[in-house]
Amino acid sequence: MGEVAALRQLVGQVQELWDLYGANAHPLPRQRLPSLLQSPPVSFPLAVRWYLLDFEHGSIKDDYCGGRSGYNSELLKIMEANQSPPRKRPRRDRNREKAPCSNATEAMQQEIWRDFPEDLFETVIARLPVAAIFRFRTVCRKWSSLVGLDSFSHQYSGAPHGLPWFYTITHENATNNVAMYDPSLKKWHHPSAPLAPTKIVIPVASAGGLVCLLDLSHRNFYICNPLVQSFKEIPPRSVQGWSRVAVGMVLNGRSSNDGYKVMWLGNDGTCEVYDSTKNAWSCPGTLPPSIKLPLALNFRSQPVAVGSTLYFMCAEPDGVLSYDVSTGIWRQFAIPLPLHLTDHTLAEFQGRVMLVGMLCKNAATCICIWELQKMTLLWKEVDRMPNIWCLEFYGKHMKMTCLGNSGLLMLSLKAKRMNRLVTYNLLKREWQKVPDCMLPCSRKKQWIACGTAFDPCPSALA
């Protein structure tokens, strides 16, 4: 340890000599370094390094001009070679070295995208989720205009899409408060602009992304696309007087651009069909004698469409009444309902007619799903709500309303001081609870009065 102390003292003395004479001194060659230990005060070069031996830790420390210490051996070698220490370069400079032809590549990519076929743009965009399509439209005017083209509408109608949305009217419907539910994102949307006139209207049917609305007089009809604020009033039906009607809607082709038909049917057998291509109502004629009148239609059940055929729910006798809009053929099927069934409605899934209803026996309540068997014309149960959910309804007087009956069902289950919304996926056989519907910047829960399911289509025009 004495040698270390002596060496440190020597270093201190040399530092003092450097402070006194180092500014005007001439540098000494490296080979004269050993004589410095025995010479009187002399000048010292700037490049001289001092090495301190740390015997306690078995490492080497270097002292640059007696003032800075702590560099490692790698840095020591660099400094002895009179090289500056490495510094971190910007990432942009490093990327330029790795890709020297980046400018040429960017120019080439711009040329490629400039000549990219627009039909491929439409093919890709038509397969995006609805929310992504609307974000896509905000990029530029050219991309926004693609959605309004007939070619895009053709691409969109042929592309596979996800779950349908739900168009609903809340109880605060004095001004037609509309709420739309996206089951994919589990999110409610509230249009900023009204989609209907000042009259109170209710959604009764949908097809091809369009929703059919009917006012409370059951006389005036309206067609709208809730996504793009497209709205149209169609001519009122020719039958005078107030009478409750069941309304169905079908497409003439693959999309709404090919036209659509709206049909209403009353209990007395009167009916009319509206053709959008002619913008007029027509009477398909009287019902065949084999169909008993009055029909006793179940107005709580929305008609379902399978192709060009509409199915209506009837009672007394229980069964289903069908009408093919393209051929004008009527059919009636007497189908007994399951026991203890209340608040039932028709549904459709992949061309099959389904039935959803509420079974009530004693104090127990359960929601069940049935499928119509074509050979036996009987309802076969295929699924029911989980028992743990049904326990919540035990002992309560429940009322069920089906807000959407195509592929994905939305059921409104109401009782005293209780309102539940659930969805049922007919493909996955999956039950899910729907989040509460609330207005933006408000904690007030909105109660859903009525609604219907519709396929979101940004290119459909009323």
Protein backbone atom coordinates (compact mmCIF):
# COMPACT_ATOMS: atom_id res chain seq x y z
CA MET A 1 0.00 0.00 0.00
CA GLY A 2 2.98 2.34 0.55
CA GLU A 3 3.94 2.17 -3.11
CA VAL A 4 0.44 3.22 -4.09
CA ALA A 5 0.53 6.24 -1.76
CA ALA A 6 3.90 7.31 -3.10
CA LEU A 7 2.72 6.96 -6.66
CA ARG A 8 -0.36 9.06 -5.96
CA GLN A 9 1.80 11.74 -4.34
CA LEU A 10 4.04 11.80 -7.43
CA VAL A 11 1.03 12.23 -9.67
CA GLY A 12 -0.13 15.17 -7.60
CA GLN A 13 3.24 16.86 -7.90
CA VAL A 14 3.28 16.42 -11.67
CA GLN A 15 -0.22 17.92 -11.82
CA GLU A 16 1.00 21.00 -9.99
CA LEU A 17 3.91 21.35 -12.43
CA TRP A 18 1.48 21.07 -15.31
CA ASP A 19 -0.71 23.79 -13.90
CA LEU A 20 2.29 26.15 -13.60
CA TYR A 21 4.15 25.49 -16.86
CA GLY A 22 1.93 23.37 -19.08
CA ALA A 23 0.43 26.28 -21.05
CA ASN A 24 3.78 27.49 -22.55
CA ALA A 25 5.63 24.21 -22.57
CA HIS A 26 6.71 22.22 -25.61
CA PRO A 27 5.51 18.63 -25.78
CA LEU A 28 8.00 15.95 -24.86
CA PRO A 29 8.30 12.75 -26.80
CA ARG A 30 6.72 9.67 -25.35
CA GLN A 31 10.03 7.88 -24.83
CA ARG A 32 11.19 10.51 -22.27
CA LEU A 33 8.34 9.73 -19.93
CA PRO A 34 10.43 7.71 -17.46
CA SER A 35 12.89 10.62 -16.95
CA LEU A 36 10.06 12.78 -15.76
CA LEU A 37 10.08 11.07 -12.41
CA GLN A 38 13.59 12.42 -11.66
CA SER A 39 13.61 15.78 -13.53
CA PRO A 40 12.82 19.22 -12.28
CA PRO A 41 9.55 20.83 -13.41
CA VAL A 42 9.07 20.45 -17.13
CA SER A 43 6.25 20.80 -19.58
CA PHE A 44 3.96 17.86 -20.39
CA PRO A 45 2.08 16.98 -23.55
CA LEU A 46 -1.76 16.96 -23.69
CA ALA A 47 -1.83 13.37 -24.91
CA VAL A 48 -0.16 11.84 -21.82
CA ARG A 49 -2.29 9.34 -19.84
CA TRP A 50 -1.68 8.16 -16.30
CA TYR A 51 -2.57 4.70 -15.14
CA LEU A 52 -3.51 4.03 -11.53
CA LEU A 53 -3.38 0.51 -10.23
CA ASP A 54 -6.18 -0.44 -7.95
CA PHE A 55 -4.70 -3.31 -6.04
CA GLU A 56 -7.67 -3.72 -3.77
CA HIS A 57 -10.01 -4.57 -6.63
CA GLY A 58 -7.52 -5.93 -9.10
CA SER A 59 -8.40 -3.50 -11.92
CA ILE A 60 -6.71 -0.72 -13.86
CA LYS A 61 -7.92 2.86 -13.79
CA ASP A 62 -6.64 5.61 -16.07
CA ASP A 63 -6.30 9.27 -15.26
CA TYR A 64 -6.38 11.73 -18.16
CA CYS A 65 -4.17 14.69 -17.26
CA GLY A 66 -4.74 13.82 -13.62
CA GLY A 67 -8.31 15.15 -13.70
CA ARG A 68 -10.71 12.54 -15.24
CA SER A 69 -10.92 8.88 -14.37
CA GLY A 70 -13.24 5.93 -14.88
CA TYR A 71 -12.87 5.14 -18.60
CA ASN A 72 -12.61 1.49 -19.44
CA SER A 73 -9.72 -0.15 -21.24
CA GLU A 74 -11.49 -0.01 -24.63
CA LEU A 75 -11.81 3.76 -24.44
CA LEU A 76 -8.21 3.96 -23.21
CA LYS A 77 -6.92 2.31 -26.36
CA ILE A 78 -8.92 4.67 -28.53
CA MET A 79 -7.63 7.76 -26.77
CA GLU A 80 -4.01 6.63 -26.97
CA ALA A 81 -4.45 6.36 -30.72
CA ASN A 82 -5.60 10.01 -30.68
CA GLN A 83 -9.17 9.05 -31.78
CA SER A 84 -12.33 10.73 -30.55
CA PRO A 85 -14.76 8.53 -28.57
CA PRO A 86 -17.71 7.10 -30.52
CA ARG A 87 -21.00 8.96 -30.38
CA LYS A 88 -24.49 7.77 -31.18
CA ARG A 89 -25.63 8.81 -34.62
CA PRO A 90 -29.24 9.70 -35.46
CA ARG A 91 -31.41 6.83 -36.58
CA ARG A 92 -32.08 8.58 -39.87
CA ASP A 93 -28.36 8.51 -40.72
CA ARG A 94 -28.08 4.83 -39.81
CA ASN A 95 -31.10 3.99 -41.94
CA ARG A 96 -29.61 5.84 -44.89
CA GLU A 97 -26.47 3.72 -44.67
CA LYS A 98 -28.50 0.54 -44.53
CA ALA A 99 -30.75 1.63 -47.42
CA PRO A 100 -28.76 3.90 -49.73
CA CYS A 101 -31.43 3.66 -52.42
CA SER A 102 -34.35 4.66 -50.17
CA ASN A 103 -35.21 7.72 -52.25
CA ALA A 104 -35.34 5.66 -55.40
CA THR A 105 -37.47 3.04 -53.63
CA GLU A 106 -39.93 5.65 -52.39
CA ALA A 107 -40.25 7.09 -55.86
CA MET A 108 -40.83 3.64 -57.27
CA GLN A 109 -43.53 2.93 -54.64
CA GLN A 110 -45.29 6.18 -55.55
CA GLU A 111 -45.32 5.12 -59.18
CA ILE A 112 -46.75 1.73 -58.23
CA TRP A 113 -49.59 3.19 -56.10
CA ARG A 114 -50.35 5.79 -58.75
CA ASP A 115 -51.14 3.08 -61.28
CA PHE A 116 -52.84 0.76 -58.76
CA PRO A 117 -56.18 -0.45 -60.24
CA GLU A 118 -59.18 1.17 -58.57
CA ASP A 119 -61.22 -2.04 -58.79
CA LEU A 120 -58.71 -3.66 -56.44
CA PHE A 121 -59.19 -0.74 -54.04
CA GLU A 122 -62.94 -1.41 -54.13
CA THR A 123 -62.44 -5.14 -53.61
CA VAL A 124 -60.37 -4.55 -50.49
CA ILE A 125 -62.53 -1.77 -49.06
CA ALA A 126 -65.71 -3.79 -49.56
CA ARG A 127 -64.38 -6.40 -47.14
CA LEU A 128 -63.54 -3.97 -44.35
CA PRO A 129 -65.72 -3.51 -41.26
CA VAL A 130 -68.22 -0.68 -41.49
CA ALA A 131 -66.35 1.53 -39.02
CA ALA A 132 -63.11 1.09 -41.01
CA ILE A 133 -64.90 2.05 -44.25
CA PHE A 134 -65.99 5.38 -42.79
CA ARG A 135 -62.46 6.06 -41.54
CA PHE A 136 -61.22 5.22 -45.04
CA ARG A 137 -63.53 7.83 -46.56
CA THR A 138 -61.86 10.61 -44.57
CA VAL A 139 -58.46 10.09 -46.25
CA CYS A 140 -59.18 12.05 -49.45
CA ARG A 141 -62.01 13.00 -51.78
CA LYS A 142 -61.10 10.35 -54.30
CA TRP A 143 -61.32 7.56 -51.79
CA SER A 144 -64.54 8.98 -50.38
CA SER A 145 -66.12 8.99 -53.84
CA LEU A 146 -65.34 5.29 -54.35
CA VAL A 147 -68.03 4.31 -51.85
CA GLY A 148 -70.74 5.97 -53.94
CA LEU A 149 -69.91 4.12 -57.16
CA ASP A 150 -72.14 1.37 -58.55
CA SER A 151 -69.11 -0.88 -58.93
CA PHE A 152 -68.37 -0.59 -55.21
CA SER A 153 -71.98 -1.41 -54.39
CA HIS A 154 -71.68 -4.55 -56.53
CA GLN A 155 -68.44 -5.51 -54.75
CA TYR A 156 -69.95 -4.86 -51.32
CA SER A 157 -73.07 -6.93 -51.99
CA GLY A 158 -70.93 -9.91 -53.05
CA ALA A 159 -68.45 -9.75 -50.18
CA PRO A 160 -69.02 -11.60 -46.88
CA HIS A 161 -69.91 -9.38 -43.94
CA GLY A 162 -70.28 -9.65 -40.22
CA LEU A 163 -73.22 -9.35 -37.88
CA PRO A 164 -76.24 -7.16 -38.57
CA TRP A 165 -76.81 -3.92 -36.69
CA PHE A 166 -79.96 -2.91 -34.82
CA TYR A 167 -81.98 0.22 -35.52
CA THR A 168 -84.03 1.11 -32.43
CA ILE A 169 -86.34 3.86 -31.17
CA THR A 170 -86.11 4.91 -27.52
CA HIS A 171 -89.00 5.80 -25.23
CA GLU A 172 -88.10 9.47 -25.56
CA ASN A 173 -89.37 9.32 -29.15
CA ALA A 174 -91.22 12.63 -29.29
CA THR A 175 -88.46 13.70 -31.67
CA ASN A 176 -87.71 10.20 -33.01
CA ASN A 177 -84.63 9.51 -30.88
CA VAL A 178 -82.69 6.83 -32.73
CA ALA A 179 -80.03 4.51 -31.33
CA MET A 180 -78.10 1.99 -33.43
CA TYR A 181 -76.25 -0.93 -31.88
CA ASP A 182 -73.11 -2.49 -33.38
CA PRO A 183 -72.79 -6.02 -31.89
CA SER A 184 -69.24 -6.47 -33.22
CA LEU A 185 -67.92 -3.55 -31.16
CA LYS A 186 -70.69 -3.78 -28.53
CA LYS A 187 -71.27 -0.08 -28.95
CA TRP A 188 -74.31 2.18 -29.31
CA HIS A 189 -74.35 4.92 -31.95
CA HIS A 190 -76.58 7.99 -31.81
CA PRO A 191 -77.08 9.83 -35.14
CA SER A 192 -76.59 13.57 -34.79
CA ALA A 193 -79.23 14.40 -37.41
CA PRO A 194 -82.82 13.08 -37.36
CA LEU A 195 -83.53 10.31 -39.86
CA ALA A 196 -87.29 10.81 -39.96
CA PRO A 197 -89.84 13.63 -40.16
CA THR A 198 -91.50 15.22 -37.16
CA LYS A 199 -94.09 12.43 -37.11
CA ILE A 200 -93.52 9.55 -34.75
CA VAL A 201 -92.39 6.52 -36.77
CA ILE A 202 -91.45 2.96 -35.91
CA PRO A 203 -89.09 0.59 -37.77
CA VAL A 204 -91.03 -2.35 -39.18
CA ALA A 205 -88.77 -4.06 -41.75
CA SER A 206 -85.38 -3.93 -43.47
CA ALA A 207 -83.55 -5.28 -46.51
CA GLY A 208 -80.22 -4.58 -48.20
CA GLY A 209 -79.08 -1.98 -45.67
CA LEU A 210 -82.36 -0.01 -45.89
CA VAL A 211 -84.88 0.33 -43.05
CA CYS A 212 -88.62 0.73 -43.60
CA LEU A 213 -90.38 3.12 -41.20
CA LEU A 214 -94.14 3.41 -40.62
CA ASP A 215 -95.96 6.22 -38.84
CA LEU A 216 -98.56 5.62 -36.15
CA SER A 217 -101.42 6.05 -38.60
CA HIS A 218 -100.15 2.93 -40.42
CA ARG A 219 -100.54 4.80 -43.69
CA ASN A 220 -97.31 6.65 -44.52
CA PHE A 221 -94.09 4.74 -45.20
CA TYR A 222 -90.49 5.97 -45.24
CA ILE A 223 -87.25 4.32 -46.40
CA CYS A 224 -83.86 5.31 -44.97
CA ASN A 225 -80.25 4.22 -44.74
CA PRO A 226 -79.23 5.08 -41.17
CA LEU A 227 -75.50 5.03 -41.96
CA VAL A 228 -75.42 7.72 -44.66
CA GLN A 229 -78.49 9.78 -43.67
CA SER A 230 -80.31 8.80 -46.88
CA PHE A 231 -84.07 9.28 -46.47
CA LYS A 232 -87.10 8.94 -48.74
CA GLU A 233 -90.87 9.07 -48.34
CA ILE A 234 -92.77 6.62 -50.53
CA PRO A 235 -96.36 7.17 -51.69
CA PRO A 236 -98.98 6.38 -49.03
CA ARG A 237 -100.96 3.19 -49.39
CA SER A 238 -104.23 3.52 -51.24
CA VAL A 239 -106.43 1.92 -48.59
CA GLN A 240 -108.16 4.62 -46.56
CA GLY A 241 -108.81 4.46 -42.83
CA TRP A 242 -106.78 3.34 -39.86
CA SER A 243 -105.95 -0.35 -39.70
CA ARG A 244 -103.05 -2.19 -38.19
CA VAL A 245 -100.83 -4.00 -40.71
CA ALA A 246 -97.85 -6.36 -40.81
CA VAL A 247 -95.02 -5.15 -43.06
CA GLY A 248 -92.31 -7.12 -44.87
CA MET A 249 -89.50 -6.11 -47.23
CA VAL A 250 -87.48 -8.02 -49.86
CA LEU A 251 -84.86 -7.17 -52.51
CA ASN A 252 -85.36 -7.55 -56.25
CA GLY A 253 -81.75 -8.69 -56.71
CA ARG A 254 -78.52 -8.94 -54.77
CA SER A 255 -78.49 -5.34 -53.53
CA SER A 256 -80.81 -2.41 -53.00
CA ASN A 257 -79.55 -0.86 -56.27
CA ASP A 258 -81.59 -3.51 -58.09
CA GLY A 259 -84.71 -2.29 -56.35
CA TYR A 260 -86.82 -3.55 -53.46
CA LYS A 261 -90.42 -4.34 -52.58
CA VAL A 262 -92.42 -3.46 -49.47
CA MET A 263 -95.57 -5.41 -48.63
CA TRP A 264 -98.25 -4.77 -46.02
CA LEU A 265 -100.97 -7.22 -44.97
CA GLY A 266 -104.07 -6.67 -42.85
CA ASN A 267 -106.20 -9.06 -40.81
CA ASP A 268 -108.99 -8.89 -43.36
CA GLY A 269 -106.71 -10.19 -46.10
CA THR A 270 -106.18 -6.86 -47.88
CA CYS A 271 -102.61 -6.26 -49.00
CA GLU A 272 -100.48 -4.15 -51.28
CA VAL A 273 -96.92 -4.34 -52.66
CA TYR A 274 -94.73 -1.32 -53.34
CA ASP A 275 -92.09 -1.64 -56.08
CA SER A 276 -89.23 0.88 -55.83
CA THR A 277 -88.45 0.59 -59.54
CA LYS A 278 -92.00 1.77 -60.38
CA ASN A 279 -92.45 3.96 -57.28
CA ALA A 280 -96.04 2.73 -57.01
CA TRP A 281 -98.26 0.37 -55.03
CA SER A 282 -100.03 -2.59 -56.62
CA CYS A 283 -102.63 -5.04 -55.34
CA PRO A 284 -101.67 -8.71 -55.81
CA GLY A 285 -105.31 -9.78 -55.74
CA THR A 286 -107.47 -11.58 -53.21
CA LEU A 287 -106.33 -14.49 -51.07
CA PRO A 288 -107.21 -18.00 -52.28
CA PRO A 289 -110.32 -19.60 -50.73
CA SER A 290 -108.17 -22.15 -48.86
CA ILE A 291 -106.88 -19.43 -46.52
CA LYS A 292 -109.31 -18.72 -43.71
CA LEU A 293 -110.25 -15.17 -42.80
CA PRO A 294 -109.73 -13.23 -40.65
CA LEU A 295 -106.04 -13.99 -40.47
CA ALA A 296 -105.51 -13.07 -36.79
CA LEU A 297 -101.97 -11.89 -37.49
CA ASN A 298 -99.49 -11.70 -34.65
CA PHE A 299 -98.39 -8.06 -34.95
CA ARG A 300 -95.79 -8.48 -32.21
CA SER A 301 -93.92 -10.78 -34.60
CA GLN A 302 -92.18 -9.08 -37.52
CA PRO A 303 -92.45 -10.98 -40.82
CA VAL A 304 -89.27 -12.69 -41.98
CA ALA A 305 -87.95 -12.91 -45.54
CA VAL A 306 -86.35 -15.99 -47.10
CA GLY A 307 -85.40 -15.10 -50.65
CA SER A 308 -88.48 -13.53 -52.21
CA THR A 309 -90.90 -15.19 -49.77
CA LEU A 310 -92.35 -13.44 -46.73
CA TYR A 311 -93.56 -15.39 -43.69
CA PHE A 312 -96.22 -13.99 -41.33
CA MET A 313 -97.11 -15.34 -37.89
CA CYS A 314 -100.80 -16.18 -37.44
CA ALA A 315 -103.05 -17.28 -34.60
CA GLU A 316 -106.44 -19.06 -34.50
CA PRO A 317 -105.32 -21.39 -35.83
CA ASP A 318 -101.66 -21.16 -34.90
CA GLY A 319 -99.40 -21.32 -37.89
CA VAL A 320 -97.49 -19.48 -40.59
CA LEU A 321 -98.75 -17.68 -43.69
CA SER A 322 -96.32 -17.22 -46.61
CA TYR A 323 -96.42 -15.13 -49.77
CA ASP A 324 -93.89 -15.24 -52.63
CA VAL A 325 -93.57 -11.69 -53.93
CA SER A 326 -92.06 -12.75 -57.25
CA THR A 327 -94.61 -15.48 -58.11
CA GLY A 328 -97.67 -14.27 -56.19
CA ILE A 329 -98.24 -17.68 -54.53
CA TRP A 330 -99.93 -17.84 -51.08
CA ARG A 331 -99.51 -20.73 -48.64
CA GLN A 332 -100.81 -21.38 -45.16
CA PHE A 333 -99.35 -23.88 -42.66
CA ALA A 334 -101.12 -24.94 -39.48
CA ILE A 335 -98.31 -25.50 -36.97
CA PRO A 336 -99.12 -26.06 -33.29
CA LEU A 337 -97.11 -23.99 -30.84
CA PRO A 338 -95.16 -25.46 -27.91
CA LEU A 339 -97.00 -25.60 -24.58
CA HIS A 340 -96.79 -22.70 -22.12
CA LEU A 341 -95.46 -20.39 -24.85
CA THR A 342 -95.97 -16.63 -24.65
CA ASP A 343 -94.60 -13.60 -26.49
CA HIS A 344 -93.30 -15.59 -29.45
CA THR A 345 -92.00 -14.27 -32.77
CA LEU A 346 -90.60 -15.60 -36.03
CA ALA A 347 -86.91 -15.47 -36.96
CA GLU A 348 -84.76 -16.46 -39.92
CA PHE A 349 -81.35 -18.10 -40.17
CA GLN A 350 -79.63 -19.27 -43.38
CA GLY A 351 -82.95 -19.80 -45.17
CA ARG A 352 -84.57 -21.61 -42.24
CA VAL A 353 -87.62 -20.39 -40.34
CA MET A 354 -87.04 -20.17 -36.60
CA LEU A 355 -89.19 -19.39 -33.58
CA VAL A 356 -88.15 -17.60 -30.41
CA GLY A 357 -90.44 -17.38 -27.42
CA MET A 358 -90.78 -17.34 -23.68
CA LEU A 359 -91.90 -20.41 -21.76
CA CYS A 360 -93.73 -19.57 -18.53
CA LYS A 361 -94.79 -22.29 -16.13
CA ASN A 362 -95.72 -21.54 -12.53
CA ALA A 363 -93.13 -18.94 -11.45
CA ALA A 364 -90.35 -20.08 -13.80
CA THR A 365 -89.52 -18.30 -17.07
CA CYS A 366 -87.16 -19.40 -19.82
CA ILE A 367 -86.34 -18.15 -23.34
CA CYS A 368 -86.17 -20.91 -25.98
CA ILE A 369 -85.30 -21.22 -29.66
CA TRP A 370 -87.06 -23.59 -32.08
CA GLU A 371 -86.56 -24.55 -35.72
CA LEU A 372 -89.37 -25.42 -38.12
CA GLN A 373 -89.05 -28.95 -39.47
CA LYS A 374 -90.10 -28.97 -43.13
CA MET A 375 -91.06 -32.66 -43.21
CA THR A 376 -93.22 -32.77 -40.09
CA LEU A 377 -94.18 -29.07 -39.88
CA LEU A 378 -93.41 -29.10 -36.17
CA TRP A 379 -91.24 -26.86 -34.00
CA LYS A 380 -88.08 -28.54 -32.70
CA GLU A 381 -86.25 -26.94 -29.77
CA VAL A 382 -82.59 -26.25 -30.58
CA ASP A 383 -81.42 -24.09 -27.68
CA ARG A 384 -82.50 -22.17 -24.59
CA MET A 385 -81.17 -19.43 -22.37
CA PRO A 386 -78.73 -20.52 -19.60
CA ASN A 387 -80.50 -21.39 -16.35
CA ILE A 388 -78.41 -18.96 -14.32
CA TRP A 389 -79.81 -16.12 -16.46
CA CYS A 390 -83.37 -17.43 -16.15
CA LEU A 391 -83.15 -17.36 -12.36
CA GLU A 392 -83.18 -13.57 -12.57
CA PHE A 393 -86.71 -13.75 -14.04
CA TYR A 394 -88.09 -16.16 -11.43
CA GLY A 395 -91.35 -14.98 -9.93
CA LYS A 396 -91.57 -11.89 -12.16
CA HIS A 397 -94.19 -11.06 -14.76
CA MET A 398 -91.96 -10.81 -17.82
CA LYS A 399 -92.67 -9.39 -21.28
CA MET A 400 -90.47 -10.19 -24.28
CA THR A 401 -90.05 -8.20 -27.50
CA CYS A 402 -87.84 -9.29 -30.39
CA LEU A 403 -86.05 -6.29 -31.93
CA GLY A 404 -84.15 -8.20 -34.61
CA ASN A 405 -84.94 -11.57 -36.14
CA SER A 406 -82.34 -12.27 -38.86
CA GLY A 407 -79.20 -14.24 -37.98
CA LEU A 408 -78.70 -12.34 -34.74
CA LEU A 409 -81.60 -11.85 -32.34
CA MET A 410 -81.99 -8.95 -29.92
CA LEU A 411 -84.51 -9.56 -27.17
CA SER A 412 -85.93 -6.93 -24.86
CA LEU A 413 -86.99 -8.51 -21.55
CA LYS A 414 -89.06 -6.23 -19.36
CA ALA A 415 -90.62 -6.49 -15.93
CA LYS A 416 -91.47 -4.06 -13.16
CA ARG A 417 -88.35 -1.91 -12.59
CA MET A 418 -86.37 -4.12 -14.91
CA ASN A 419 -85.30 -3.91 -18.55
CA ARG A 420 -82.75 -6.32 -20.02
CA LEU A 421 -81.36 -6.47 -23.55
CA VAL A 422 -79.71 -9.70 -24.71
CA THR A 423 -78.56 -10.99 -28.08
CA TYR A 424 -78.52 -14.55 -29.38
CA ASN A 425 -76.23 -15.62 -32.23
CA LEU A 426 -78.00 -18.35 -34.17
CA LEU A 427 -74.74 -19.46 -35.83
CA LYS A 428 -72.61 -19.75 -32.69
CA ARG A 429 -75.56 -20.44 -30.36
CA GLU A 430 -74.18 -17.82 -28.03
CA TRP A 431 -76.05 -15.58 -25.58
CA GLN A 432 -74.65 -12.15 -24.68
CA LYS A 433 -75.83 -9.23 -22.62
CA VAL A 434 -76.13 -5.85 -24.32
CA PRO A 435 -74.64 -2.78 -22.58
CA ASP A 436 -77.02 -0.07 -21.47
CA CYS A 437 -78.00 2.47 -24.09
CA MET A 438 -76.98 5.95 -22.94
CA LEU A 439 -76.83 9.25 -24.76
CA PRO A 440 -73.38 10.80 -25.22
CA CYS A 441 -72.27 12.92 -22.23
CA SER A 442 -75.17 11.54 -20.21
CA ARG A 443 -75.63 8.85 -17.60
CA LYS A 444 -79.36 8.51 -18.20
CA LYS A 445 -80.30 5.05 -19.38
CA GLN A 446 -82.43 4.94 -22.54
CA TRP A 447 -85.27 2.42 -22.67
CA ILE A 448 -85.71 0.79 -26.08
CA ALA A 449 -89.29 0.88 -27.35
CA CYS A 450 -88.99 -0.96 -30.68
CA GLY A 451 -86.49 -1.80 -33.37
CA THR A 452 -85.38 -4.03 -36.21
CA ALA A 453 -82.18 -5.60 -37.48
CA PHE A 454 -80.51 -4.35 -40.67
CA ASP A 455 -77.37 -5.15 -42.63
CA PRO A 456 -75.10 -2.05 -42.54
CA CYS A 457 -74.37 -0.98 -46.11
CA PRO A 458 -72.73 2.42 -46.80
CA SER A 459 -73.58 2.26 -50.52
CA ALA A 460 -77.35 1.66 -50.22
CA LEU A 461 -79.52 4.63 -51.22
CA ALA A 462 -83.18 5.01 -50.35
